[in-house]
N, C-alpha and C. Protein backbone atom coordinates (compact mmCIF):
# COMPACT_ATOMS: atom_id res chain seq x y z
N MET A 1 24.82 30.74 8.35
CA MET A 1 23.39 31.02 8.43
C MET A 1 22.90 31.68 7.14
N GLN A 2 23.66 32.64 6.62
CA GLN A 2 23.29 33.32 5.38
C GLN A 2 23.14 32.34 4.22
N ASN A 3 24.08 31.39 4.13
CA ASN A 3 24.05 30.40 3.06
C ASN A 3 22.78 29.55 3.13
N THR A 4 22.39 29.14 4.33
CA THR A 4 21.19 28.33 4.51
C THR A 4 19.96 29.12 4.09
N PHE A 5 19.89 30.38 4.49
CA PHE A 5 18.74 31.21 4.14
C PHE A 5 18.66 31.39 2.63
N SER A 6 19.79 31.67 2.00
CA SER A 6 19.81 31.85 0.55
C SER A 6 19.39 30.58 -0.17
N ARG A 7 19.87 29.44 0.31
CA ARG A 7 19.52 28.16 -0.32
C ARG A 7 18.03 27.90 -0.18
N GLU A 8 17.48 28.13 1.00
CA GLU A 8 16.05 27.89 1.20
C GLU A 8 15.20 28.88 0.40
N LEU A 9 15.65 30.11 0.30
CA LEU A 9 14.94 31.11 -0.51
C LEU A 9 14.95 30.70 -1.98
N ALA A 10 16.11 30.24 -2.46
CA ALA A 10 16.21 29.77 -3.85
C ALA A 10 15.32 28.55 -4.07
N LEU A 11 15.29 27.64 -3.10
CA LEU A 11 14.42 26.46 -3.21
C LEU A 11 12.97 26.87 -3.26
N ASP A 12 12.56 27.74 -2.36
CA ASP A 12 11.16 28.19 -2.34
C ASP A 12 10.77 28.87 -3.65
N SER A 13 11.68 29.64 -4.22
CA SER A 13 11.42 30.29 -5.50
C SER A 13 11.27 29.25 -6.60
N SER A 14 12.13 28.26 -6.61
CA SER A 14 12.06 27.19 -7.61
C SER A 14 10.77 26.39 -7.48
N LEU A 15 10.39 26.10 -6.24
CA LEU A 15 9.16 25.33 -6.03
C LEU A 15 7.93 26.15 -6.42
N ALA A 16 7.96 27.45 -6.19
CA ALA A 16 6.85 28.31 -6.60
C ALA A 16 6.72 28.31 -8.13
N SER A 17 7.85 28.36 -8.80
CA SER A 17 7.85 28.30 -10.27
C SER A 17 7.29 26.97 -10.75
N THR A 18 7.67 25.91 -10.07
CA THR A 18 7.18 24.57 -10.42
C THR A 18 5.67 24.50 -10.26
N LYS A 19 5.15 25.09 -9.18
CA LYS A 19 3.70 25.12 -8.97
C LYS A 19 3.01 25.89 -10.09
N MET A 20 3.61 27.02 -10.50
CA MET A 20 3.01 27.82 -11.57
C MET A 20 2.96 27.05 -12.89
N GLU A 21 3.86 26.11 -13.06
CA GLU A 21 3.86 25.27 -14.27
C GLU A 21 2.79 24.19 -14.18
N GLY A 22 2.14 24.07 -13.04
CA GLY A 22 1.03 23.13 -12.91
C GLY A 22 1.38 21.82 -12.21
N PHE A 23 2.59 21.73 -11.67
CA PHE A 23 2.98 20.51 -10.97
C PHE A 23 2.62 20.61 -9.48
N GLU A 24 2.31 19.47 -8.90
CA GLU A 24 2.01 19.43 -7.46
C GLU A 24 3.32 19.49 -6.68
N VAL A 25 3.36 20.39 -5.72
CA VAL A 25 4.52 20.51 -4.82
C VAL A 25 3.99 20.40 -3.40
N THR A 26 4.39 19.34 -2.73
CA THR A 26 3.93 19.09 -1.36
C THR A 26 5.04 19.43 -0.37
N GLU A 27 4.71 19.38 0.89
CA GLU A 27 5.74 19.56 1.92
C GLU A 27 6.77 18.44 1.83
N GLN A 28 6.32 17.25 1.44
CA GLN A 28 7.24 16.13 1.25
C GLN A 28 8.24 16.46 0.14
N THR A 29 7.76 17.08 -0.93
CA THR A 29 8.64 17.50 -2.02
C THR A 29 9.72 18.45 -1.50
N ARG A 30 9.29 19.43 -0.72
CA ARG A 30 10.24 20.42 -0.17
C ARG A 30 11.26 19.73 0.74
N GLN A 31 10.79 18.82 1.59
CA GLN A 31 11.70 18.12 2.49
C GLN A 31 12.68 17.24 1.72
N ASP A 32 12.20 16.59 0.67
CA ASP A 32 13.08 15.78 -0.17
C ASP A 32 14.16 16.64 -0.81
N CYS A 33 13.77 17.79 -1.31
CA CYS A 33 14.74 18.71 -1.93
C CYS A 33 15.77 19.18 -0.92
N LEU A 34 15.34 19.52 0.28
CA LEU A 34 16.28 19.96 1.31
C LEU A 34 17.26 18.85 1.68
N ARG A 35 16.76 17.62 1.81
CA ARG A 35 17.65 16.49 2.11
C ARG A 35 18.69 16.30 1.02
N LEU A 36 18.26 16.46 -0.23
CA LEU A 36 19.17 16.34 -1.36
C LEU A 36 20.22 17.46 -1.34
N LEU A 37 19.77 18.68 -1.12
CA LEU A 37 20.69 19.82 -1.07
C LEU A 37 21.67 19.72 0.10
N ASP A 38 21.21 19.15 1.20
CA ASP A 38 22.07 19.00 2.38
C ASP A 38 23.04 17.83 2.25
N GLY A 39 22.86 17.02 1.22
CA GLY A 39 23.73 15.86 1.03
C GLY A 39 23.38 14.68 1.90
N ARG A 40 22.16 14.71 2.47
CA ARG A 40 21.74 13.61 3.34
C ARG A 40 21.17 12.43 2.56
N VAL A 41 20.95 12.63 1.26
CA VAL A 41 20.46 11.56 0.39
C VAL A 41 21.03 11.81 -1.01
N SER A 42 21.33 10.73 -1.72
CA SER A 42 21.83 10.87 -3.08
C SER A 42 20.65 10.86 -4.06
N VAL A 43 20.90 11.27 -5.28
CA VAL A 43 19.84 11.27 -6.29
C VAL A 43 19.28 9.86 -6.50
N PRO A 44 20.14 8.84 -6.68
CA PRO A 44 19.57 7.49 -6.86
C PRO A 44 18.74 7.02 -5.65
N GLU A 45 19.21 7.35 -4.45
CA GLU A 45 18.44 6.96 -3.24
C GLU A 45 17.10 7.66 -3.22
N LEU A 46 17.08 8.94 -3.55
CA LEU A 46 15.83 9.70 -3.52
C LEU A 46 14.86 9.20 -4.58
N VAL A 47 15.38 8.87 -5.75
CA VAL A 47 14.52 8.32 -6.81
C VAL A 47 13.89 7.02 -6.33
N ARG A 48 14.67 6.16 -5.69
CA ARG A 48 14.11 4.89 -5.16
C ARG A 48 13.02 5.17 -4.12
N GLU A 49 13.27 6.12 -3.22
CA GLU A 49 12.28 6.44 -2.18
C GLU A 49 10.99 6.96 -2.80
N ILE A 50 11.11 7.88 -3.75
CA ILE A 50 9.91 8.46 -4.37
C ILE A 50 9.14 7.40 -5.14
N THR A 51 9.86 6.55 -5.87
CA THR A 51 9.21 5.46 -6.61
C THR A 51 8.49 4.52 -5.66
N ALA A 52 9.14 4.18 -4.56
CA ALA A 52 8.52 3.28 -3.57
C ALA A 52 7.27 3.92 -2.98
N ARG A 53 7.32 5.22 -2.69
CA ARG A 53 6.14 5.92 -2.15
C ARG A 53 4.98 5.85 -3.13
N LYS A 54 5.28 6.10 -4.40
CA LYS A 54 4.22 6.10 -5.41
C LYS A 54 3.63 4.69 -5.57
N LEU A 55 4.49 3.68 -5.55
CA LEU A 55 3.99 2.31 -5.68
C LEU A 55 3.13 1.93 -4.48
N LYS A 56 3.56 2.32 -3.29
CA LYS A 56 2.81 2.00 -2.07
C LYS A 56 1.45 2.71 -2.10
N LYS A 57 1.45 3.96 -2.57
CA LYS A 57 0.23 4.74 -2.62
C LYS A 57 -0.77 4.14 -3.62
N ALA A 58 -0.25 3.51 -4.68
CA ALA A 58 -1.10 2.92 -5.72
C ALA A 58 -1.76 1.61 -5.28
N GLU A 59 -1.23 1.01 -4.23
CA GLU A 59 -1.78 -0.28 -3.78
C GLU A 59 -3.12 -0.16 -3.12
């Protein structure tokens, strides 16, 4: 439990820093990061998913 809390706290801190740099951070971003950290998705898979979302949104 402690490890999960620390990981989520570190993620939230990183995402807050990202927001301060001017990038958009959505709940989808947070969920994608958690899936990656949990090992439920690989980097190449996540890149494909994000690219597909952006392409679909542009249509």
